[in-house]
Amino acid sequence: MSRIRELSVDEETRRLAFVRERALRNKVSFLDDAKREGEQLGIEKGR
């Protein structure tokens, strides 16, 4: 627990954690968009 407190005080560690979190959210968003697009294309081809 003390190590977590130490890391949270370090500005560069916080910045890197923020950048990583944003990249993970972007990846999930991209995959969700691709899935919806694929489903829509499948529906259109199935008509």
PDB file of N, CA and C in Angstrom:
ATOM      1  N   MET A   1       0.820  -1.192   0.000  1.00  0.00           N
ATOM      2  CA  MET A   1       0.000   0.000   0.000  1.00  0.00           C
ATOM      3  C   MET A   1       0.869   1.262   0.000  1.00  0.00           C
ATOM      4  N   SER A   2       1.969   1.232   0.730  1.00  0.00           N
ATOM      5  CA  SER A   2       2.848   2.411   0.748  1.00  0.00           C
ATOM      6  C   SER A   2       3.466   2.651  -0.628  1.00  0.00           C
ATOM      7  N   ARG A   3       3.729   1.568  -1.358  1.00  0.00           N
ATOM      8  CA  ARG A   3       4.282   1.711  -2.723  1.00  0.00           C
ATOM      9  C   ARG A   3       3.275   2.407  -3.641  1.00  0.00           C
ATOM     10  N   ILE A   4       2.006   2.086  -3.492  1.00  0.00           N
ATOM     11  CA  ILE A   4       0.960   2.741  -4.292  1.00  0.00           C
ATOM     12  C   ILE A   4       0.917   4.230  -3.962  1.00  0.00           C
ATOM     13  N   ARG A   5       1.025   4.552  -2.690  1.00  0.00           N
ATOM     14  CA  ARG A   5       1.046   5.977  -2.293  1.00  0.00           C
ATOM     15  C   ARG A   5       2.246   6.695  -2.900  1.00  0.00           C
ATOM     16  N   GLU A   6       3.404   6.035  -2.887  1.00  0.00           N
ATOM     17  CA  GLU A   6       4.607   6.633  -3.473  1.00  0.00           C
ATOM     18  C   GLU A   6       4.409   6.898  -4.959  1.00  0.00           C
ATOM     19  N   LEU A   7       3.859   5.946  -5.655  1.00  0.00           N
ATOM     20  CA  LEU A   7       3.661   6.096  -7.099  1.00  0.00           C
ATOM     21  C   LEU A   7       2.654   7.192  -7.416  1.00  0.00           C
ATOM     22  N   SER A   8       1.620   7.312  -6.608  1.00  0.00           N
ATOM     23  CA  SER A   8       0.598   8.318  -6.886  1.00  0.00           C
ATOM     24  C   SER A   8       1.120   9.736  -6.678  1.00  0.00           C
ATOM     25  N   VAL A   9       2.203   9.880  -5.942  1.00  0.00           N
ATOM     26  CA  VAL A   9       2.793  11.191  -5.711  1.00  0.00           C
ATOM     27  C   VAL A   9       3.665  11.606  -6.902  1.00  0.00           C
ATOM     28  N   ASP A  10       4.215  10.628  -7.606  1.00  0.00           N
ATOM     29  CA  ASP A  10       5.116  10.900  -8.725  1.00  0.00           C
ATOM     30  C   ASP A  10       4.327  11.395  -9.937  1.00  0.00           C
ATOM     31  N   GLU A  11       4.614  12.608 -10.365  1.00  0.00           N
ATOM     32  CA  GLU A  11       3.880  13.246 -11.460  1.00  0.00           C
ATOM     33  C   GLU A  11       4.003  12.462 -12.775  1.00  0.00           C
ATOM     34  N   GLU A  12       5.196  11.996 -13.100  1.00  0.00           N
ATOM     35  CA  GLU A  12       5.398  11.256 -14.352  1.00  0.00           C
ATOM     36  C   GLU A  12       4.625   9.941 -14.339  1.00  0.00           C
ATOM     37  N   THR A  13       4.571   9.266 -13.209  1.00  0.00           N
ATOM     38  CA  THR A  13       3.812   8.019 -13.100  1.00  0.00           C
ATOM     39  C   THR A  13       2.326   8.280 -13.293  1.00  0.00           C
ATOM     40  N   ARG A  14       1.831   9.363 -12.703  1.00  0.00           N
ATOM     41  CA  ARG A  14       0.415   9.720 -12.890  1.00  0.00           C
ATOM     42  C   ARG A  14       0.126  10.019 -14.351  1.00  0.00           C
ATOM     43  N   ARG A  15       1.044  10.741 -15.001  1.00  0.00           N
ATOM     44  CA  ARG A  15       0.848  11.091 -16.410  1.00  0.00           C
ATOM     45  C   ARG A  15       0.814   9.838 -17.273  1.00  0.00           C
ATOM     46  N   LEU A  16       1.735   8.926 -17.027  1.00  0.00           N
ATOM     47  CA  LEU A  16       1.785   7.683 -17.797  1.00  0.00           C
ATOM     48  C   LEU A  16       0.531   6.835 -17.561  1.00  0.00           C
ATOM     49  N   ALA A  17       0.053   6.806 -16.331  1.00  0.00           N
ATOM     50  CA  ALA A  17      -1.169   6.065 -16.032  1.00  0.00           C
ATOM     51  C   ALA A  17      -2.353   6.675 -16.769  1.00  0.00           C
ATOM     52  N   PHE A  18      -2.401   7.996 -16.810  1.00  0.00           N
ATOM     53  CA  PHE A  18      -3.476   8.678 -17.531  1.00  0.00           C
ATOM     54  C   PHE A  18      -3.424   8.361 -19.018  1.00  0.00           C
ATOM     55  N   VAL A  19      -2.236   8.423 -19.602  1.00  0.00           N
ATOM     56  CA  VAL A  19      -2.065   8.134 -21.035  1.00  0.00           C
ATOM     57  C   VAL A  19      -2.467   6.688 -21.331  1.00  0.00           C
ATOM     58  N   ARG A  20      -2.064   5.769 -20.477  1.00  0.00           N
ATOM     59  CA  ARG A  20      -2.410   4.358 -20.673  1.00  0.00           C
ATOM     60  C   ARG A  20      -3.912   4.151 -20.577  1.00  0.00           C
ATOM     61  N   GLU A  21      -4.531   4.752 -19.590  1.00  0.00           N
ATOM     62  CA  GLU A  21      -5.984   4.622 -19.415  1.00  0.00           C
ATOM     63  C   GLU A  21      -6.729   5.164 -20.630  1.00  0.00           C
ATOM     64  N   ARG A  22      -6.286   6.303 -21.138  1.00  0.00           N
ATOM     65  CA  ARG A  22      -6.923   6.893 -22.320  1.00  0.00           C
ATOM     66  C   ARG A  22      -6.753   5.980 -23.533  1.00  0.00           C
ATOM     67  N   ALA A  23      -5.574   5.396 -23.701  1.00  0.00           N
ATOM     68  CA  ALA A  23      -5.338   4.487 -24.828  1.00  0.00           C
ATOM     69  C   ALA A  23      -6.231   3.250 -24.723  1.00  0.00           C
ATOM     70  N   LEU A  24      -6.394   2.723 -23.523  1.00  0.00           N
ATOM     71  CA  LEU A  24      -7.259   1.554 -23.346  1.00  0.00           C
ATOM     72  C   LEU A  24      -8.710   1.894 -23.665  1.00  0.00           C
ATOM     73  N   ARG A  25      -9.168   3.066 -23.226  1.00  0.00           N
ATOM     74  CA  ARG A  25     -10.546   3.484 -23.548  1.00  0.00           C
ATOM     75  C   ARG A  25     -10.725   3.669 -25.052  1.00  0.00           C
ATOM     76  N   ASN A  26      -9.734   4.256 -25.706  1.00  0.00           N
ATOM     77  CA  ASN A  26      -9.809   4.447 -27.154  1.00  0.00           C
ATOM     78  C   ASN A  26      -9.879   3.105 -27.875  1.00  0.00           C
ATOM     79  N   LYS A  27      -9.102   2.137 -27.409  1.00  0.00           N
ATOM     80  CA  LYS A  27      -9.101   0.808 -28.025  1.00  0.00           C
ATOM     81  C   LYS A  27     -10.470   0.150 -27.888  1.00  0.00           C
ATOM     82  N   VAL A  28     -11.049   0.225 -26.709  1.00  0.00           N
ATOM     83  CA  VAL A  28     -12.373  -0.364 -26.490  1.00  0.00           C
ATOM     84  C   VAL A  28     -13.401   0.325 -27.381  1.00  0.00           C
ATOM     85  N   SER A  29     -13.333   1.642 -27.461  1.00  0.00           N
ATOM     86  CA  SER A  29     -14.257   2.394 -28.302  1.00  0.00           C
ATOM     87  C   SER A  29     -14.103   1.998 -29.767  1.00  0.00           C
ATOM     88  N   PHE A  30     -12.874   1.879 -30.232  1.00  0.00           N
ATOM     89  CA  PHE A  30     -12.614   1.485 -31.616  1.00  0.00           C
ATOM     90  C   PHE A  30     -13.178   0.095 -31.899  1.00  0.00           C
ATOM     91  N   LEU A  31     -12.951  -0.838 -30.981  1.00  0.00           N
ATOM     92  CA  LEU A  31     -13.453  -2.201 -31.178  1.00  0.00           C
ATOM     93  C   LEU A  31     -14.981  -2.241 -31.168  1.00  0.00           C
ATOM     94  N   ASP A  32     -15.598  -1.459 -30.294  1.00  0.00           N
ATOM     95  CA  ASP A  32     -17.063  -1.386 -30.267  1.00  0.00           C
ATOM     96  C   ASP A  32     -17.602  -0.831 -31.585  1.00  0.00           C
ATOM     97  N   ASP A  33     -16.967   0.225 -32.084  1.00  0.00           N
ATOM     98  CA  ASP A  33     -17.390   0.806 -33.358  1.00  0.00           C
ATOM     99  C   ASP A  33     -17.234  -0.192 -34.497  1.00  0.00           C
ATOM    100  N   ALA A  34     -16.131  -0.912 -34.531  1.00  0.00           N
ATOM    101  CA  ALA A  34     -15.885  -1.898 -35.585  1.00  0.00           C
ATOM    102  C   ALA A  34     -16.918  -3.028 -35.508  1.00  0.00           C
ATOM    103  N   LYS A  35     -17.255  -3.440 -34.304  1.00  0.00           N
ATOM    104  CA  LYS A  35     -18.249  -4.499 -34.139  1.00  0.00           C
ATOM    105  C   LYS A  35     -19.608  -4.035 -34.658  1.00  0.00           C
ATOM    106  N   ARG A  36     -20.012  -2.828 -34.289  1.00  0.00           N
ATOM    107  CA  ARG A  36     -21.303  -2.308 -34.768  1.00  0.00           C
ATOM    108  C   ARG A  36     -21.324  -2.188 -36.284  1.00  0.00           C
ATOM    109  N   GLU A  37     -20.213  -1.715 -36.847  1.00  0.00           N
ATOM    110  CA  GLU A  37     -20.131  -1.574 -38.300  1.00  0.00           C
ATOM    111  C   GLU A  37     -20.228  -2.942 -38.969  1.00  0.00           C
ATOM    112  N   GLY A  38     -19.546  -3.925 -38.419  1.00  0.00           N
ATOM    113  CA  GLY A  38     -19.613  -5.275 -38.965  1.00  0.00           C
ATOM    114  C   GLY A  38     -21.007  -5.859 -38.871  1.00  0.00           C
ATOM    115  N   GLU A  39     -21.661  -5.621 -37.745  1.00  0.00           N
ATOM    116  CA  GLU A  39     -23.036  -6.113 -37.594  1.00  0.00           C
ATOM    117  C   GLU A  39     -23.953  -5.437 -38.608  1.00  0.00           C
ATOM    118  N   GLN A  40     -23.771  -4.136 -38.792  1.00  0.00           N
ATOM    119  CA  GLN A  40     -24.608  -3.411 -39.758  1.00  0.00           C
ATOM    120  C   GLN A  40     -24.381  -3.922 -41.177  1.00  0.00           C
ATOM    121  N   LEU A  41     -23.125  -4.173 -41.530  1.00  0.00           N
ATOM    122  CA  LEU A  41     -22.837  -4.706 -42.863  1.00  0.00           C
ATOM    123  C   LEU A  41     -23.467  -6.097 -43.024  1.00  0.00           C
ATOM    124  N   GLY A  42     -23.435  -6.897 -41.989  1.00  0.00           N
ATOM    125  CA  GLY A  42     -24.037  -8.220 -42.043  1.00  0.00           C
ATOM    126  C   GLY A  42     -25.540  -8.149 -42.224  1.00  0.00           C
ATOM    127  N   ILE A  43     -26.164  -7.188 -41.563  1.00  0.00           N
ATOM    128  CA  ILE A  43     -27.613  -7.007 -41.702  1.00  0.00           C
ATOM    129  C   ILE A  43     -27.949  -6.558 -43.120  1.00  0.00           C
ATOM    130  N   GLU A  44     -27.173  -5.621 -43.651  1.00  0.00           N
ATOM    131  CA  GLU A  44     -27.431  -5.117 -44.997  1.00  0.00           C
ATOM    132  C   GLU A  44     -27.231  -6.208 -46.044  1.00  0.00           C
ATOM    133  N   LYS A  45     -26.225  -7.050 -45.896  1.00  0.00           N
ATOM    134  CA  LYS A  45     -25.979  -8.125 -46.862  1.00  0.00           C
ATOM    135  C   LYS A  45     -27.012  -9.227 -46.742  1.00  0.00           C
ATOM    136  N   GLY A  46     -27.605  -9.368 -45.571  1.00  0.00           N
ATOM    137  CA  GLY A  46     -28.582 -10.412 -45.347  1.00  0.00           C
ATOM    138  C   GLY A  46     -29.942 -10.107 -45.939  1.00  0.00           C
ATOM    139  N   ARG A  47     -30.149  -8.912 -46.403  1.00  0.00           N
ATOM    140  CA  ARG A  47     -31.454  -8.521 -46.973  1.00  0.00           C
ATOM    141  C   ARG A  47     -31.669  -9.089 -48.318  1.00  0.00           C
TER     142      ARG A  47
END
